């Protein structure tokens, strides 16, 4: 049996960089996505935006909202709706754990990364997160600036 090598060109990864800035990421889970065929093809082309997307529970199941997957250009009349609500697939134990933690004050579930696993299935990494205050965001910006300054000084020396 031959092993398939991971080809980065065929498996694009999309990261929600705003989530790391706006939220303190506490715990992460990998969840499957219920997608149609044209959605998978659009994901492989990298036509996805996770800005302002979030997850919520409805009747014991987890759904992702405001997850924009652009239309597939060759999809004709069978194309998907870009902003539709998509169901996330987790096992019951993980769903219960997330549901209990979301009931705590200030915690939410944010999609952080969409990727394709080794078997070719589309997965979304969801994170249990707590919103940052404005002073926390300023500290993050300050850290980023100092890291950039250190990098510049090191590059000048070499």
Protein backbone atom coordinates (compact mmCIF):
# COMPACT_ATOMS: atom_id res chain seq x y z
CA UNK A 1 0.00 0.00 0.00
CA UNK A 2 1.52 3.30 -1.06
CA UNK A 3 1.49 6.25 1.29
CA UNK A 4 0.30 9.54 -0.07
CA UNK A 5 2.61 12.50 0.41
CA UNK A 6 1.00 15.71 1.54
CA UNK A 7 0.99 18.21 -1.32
CA UNK A 8 0.65 21.76 -0.05
CA UNK A 9 -0.61 23.01 -3.42
CA UNK A 10 -3.61 20.67 -3.33
CA UNK A 11 -4.42 21.24 0.34
CA UNK A 12 -4.64 24.97 1.05
CA UNK A 13 -5.01 26.21 4.60
CA UNK A 14 -6.93 29.32 5.62
CA UNK A 15 -6.29 30.93 9.01
CA UNK A 16 -8.49 33.46 10.79
CA UNK A 17 -5.77 35.87 11.93
CA UNK A 18 -8.31 38.30 13.44
CA UNK A 19 -9.41 35.59 15.88
CA UNK A 20 -5.99 35.49 17.53
CA UNK A 21 -5.99 39.27 17.85
CA UNK A 22 -9.56 39.67 19.14
CA UNK A 23 -9.73 36.55 21.35
CA UNK A 24 -7.65 34.65 23.86
CA UNK A 25 -7.69 31.10 22.44
CA UNK A 26 -8.09 28.59 25.27
CA UNK A 27 -8.66 25.15 23.74
CA UNK A 28 -8.95 23.85 20.18
CA UNK A 29 -10.84 21.01 18.50
CA UNK A 30 -10.81 19.63 14.95
CA UNK A 31 -14.31 19.34 13.50
CA UNK A 32 -15.59 18.07 10.18
CA UNK A 33 -17.67 20.30 7.91
CA UNK A 34 -20.86 19.29 6.09
CA UNK A 35 -20.22 20.69 2.62
CA UNK A 36 -21.61 20.36 -0.88
CA UNK A 37 -19.40 19.49 -3.87
CA UNK A 38 -18.99 23.04 -5.14
CA UNK A 39 -18.05 24.21 -1.63
CA UNK A 40 -15.19 21.71 -1.48
CA UNK A 41 -13.92 22.84 -4.88
CA UNK A 42 -14.09 26.50 -3.82
CA UNK A 43 -12.19 25.66 -0.60
CA UNK A 44 -9.45 23.98 -2.65
CA UNK A 45 -9.18 27.21 -4.66
CA UNK A 46 -8.83 29.14 -1.38
CA UNK A 47 -12.06 31.14 -1.75
CA UNK A 48 -12.88 31.35 1.93
CA UNK A 49 -13.18 34.18 4.46
CA UNK A 50 -13.62 33.60 8.18
CA UNK A 51 -13.91 37.25 9.26
CA UNK A 52 -16.73 37.67 11.82
CA UNK A 53 -17.55 33.94 11.75
CA UNK A 54 -18.67 32.20 14.92
CA UNK A 55 -20.18 28.91 16.09
CA UNK A 56 -23.37 28.31 18.04
CA UNK A 57 -25.43 25.42 19.38
CA UNK A 58 -28.88 24.60 18.04
CA UNK A 59 -30.73 21.54 19.35
CA UNK A 60 -27.52 19.97 20.63
CA UNK A 61 -25.65 20.37 17.34
CA UNK A 62 -22.90 22.85 16.47
CA UNK A 63 -23.21 25.21 13.49
CA UNK A 64 -20.86 27.77 11.92
CA UNK A 65 -22.33 31.09 10.84
CA UNK A 66 -20.86 33.91 8.68
CA UNK A 67 -18.32 31.50 7.20
CA UNK A 68 -18.03 32.81 3.63
CA UNK A 69 -17.07 30.24 0.99
CA UNK A 70 -17.06 31.93 -2.41
CA UNK A 71 -18.91 30.48 -5.37
CA UNK A 72 -17.14 27.96 -7.58
CA UNK A 73 -16.78 29.52 -11.04
CA UNK A 74 -17.73 26.32 -12.91
CA UNK A 75 -20.64 25.51 -10.61
CA UNK A 76 -23.49 26.70 -12.93
CA UNK A 77 -27.00 26.25 -11.48
CA UNK A 78 -25.80 23.76 -8.83
CA UNK A 79 -23.60 26.33 -7.11
CA UNK A 80 -23.91 26.85 -3.35
CA UNK A 81 -24.97 29.89 -1.34
CA UNK A 82 -21.76 31.56 -0.06
CA UNK A 83 -22.98 32.56 3.43
CA UNK A 84 -25.12 29.56 4.35
CA UNK A 85 -25.02 28.08 7.85
CA UNK A 86 -22.85 24.96 7.93
CA UNK A 87 -23.08 22.08 10.38
CA UNK A 88 -19.90 21.07 12.23
CA UNK A 89 -19.25 17.41 12.94
CA UNK A 90 -17.91 16.45 16.38
CA UNK A 91 -18.51 13.42 18.57
CA UNK A 92 -21.03 13.67 21.41
CA UNK A 93 -18.40 13.84 24.16
CA UNK A 94 -16.74 16.86 22.55
CA UNK A 95 -20.11 18.54 21.92
CA UNK A 96 -21.12 18.16 25.57
CA UNK A 97 -17.76 19.47 26.75
CA UNK A 98 -18.04 22.53 24.49
CA UNK A 99 -21.67 23.17 25.45
CA UNK A 100 -20.80 23.20 29.16
CA UNK A 101 -17.86 25.56 28.66
CA UNK A 102 -19.81 27.97 26.44
CA UNK A 103 -22.36 28.39 29.22
CA UNK A 104 -19.56 29.90 31.31
CA UNK A 105 -19.46 33.68 31.24
CA UNK A 106 -17.53 35.23 28.37
CA UNK A 107 -16.60 32.09 26.42
CA UNK A 108 -17.43 31.57 22.76
CA UNK A 109 -16.47 29.22 19.94
CA UNK A 110 -14.55 30.69 16.99
CA UNK A 111 -13.45 28.95 13.77
CA UNK A 112 -9.70 29.46 13.58
CA UNK A 113 -8.39 27.42 10.65
CA UNK A 114 -9.77 25.46 7.69
CA UNK A 115 -7.59 22.73 6.24
CA UNK A 116 -7.70 19.37 4.47
CA UNK A 117 -6.52 16.34 6.43
CA UNK A 118 -4.39 13.47 5.05
CA UNK A 119 -7.48 11.68 3.73
CA UNK A 120 -8.62 14.77 1.83
CA UNK A 121 -11.52 15.74 4.09
CA UNK A 122 -12.18 19.40 4.84
CA UNK A 123 -11.75 20.13 8.56
CA UNK A 124 -12.14 23.26 10.62
CA UNK A 125 -10.14 23.92 13.78
CA UNK A 126 -12.49 25.57 16.24
CA UNK A 127 -11.24 27.26 19.39
CA UNK A 128 -12.89 27.93 22.69
CA UNK A 129 -12.11 31.60 23.19
CA UNK A 130 -12.52 34.51 25.58
CA UNK A 131 -12.78 38.03 24.18
CA UNK A 132 -9.82 40.33 24.77
CA UNK A 133 -10.20 43.76 26.29
CA UNK A 134 -8.73 46.78 24.48
CA UNK A 135 -5.68 46.93 26.78
CA UNK A 136 -4.93 43.26 26.00
CA UNK A 137 -4.99 44.11 22.30
CA UNK A 138 -2.55 46.97 22.90
CA UNK A 139 -0.20 44.56 24.69
CA UNK A 140 -0.39 42.19 21.72
CA UNK A 141 0.49 45.01 19.34
CA UNK A 142 3.36 46.08 21.62
CA UNK A 143 4.75 42.51 21.71
CA UNK A 144 4.51 42.25 17.94
CA UNK A 145 6.40 45.54 17.50
CA UNK A 146 9.19 44.48 19.87
CA UNK A 147 9.56 41.12 18.10
CA UNK A 148 9.82 42.93 14.76
CA UNK A 149 12.45 45.31 16.14
CA UNK A 150 14.50 42.38 17.50
CA UNK A 151 14.29 40.65 14.12
CA UNK A 152 15.47 43.79 12.32
CA UNK A 153 18.44 44.24 14.67
CA UNK A 154 19.42 40.58 14.22
CA UNK A 155 19.23 40.90 10.43
CA UNK A 156 21.46 43.99 10.48
CA UNK A 157 24.14 42.18 12.51
CA UNK A 158 24.34 39.23 10.16
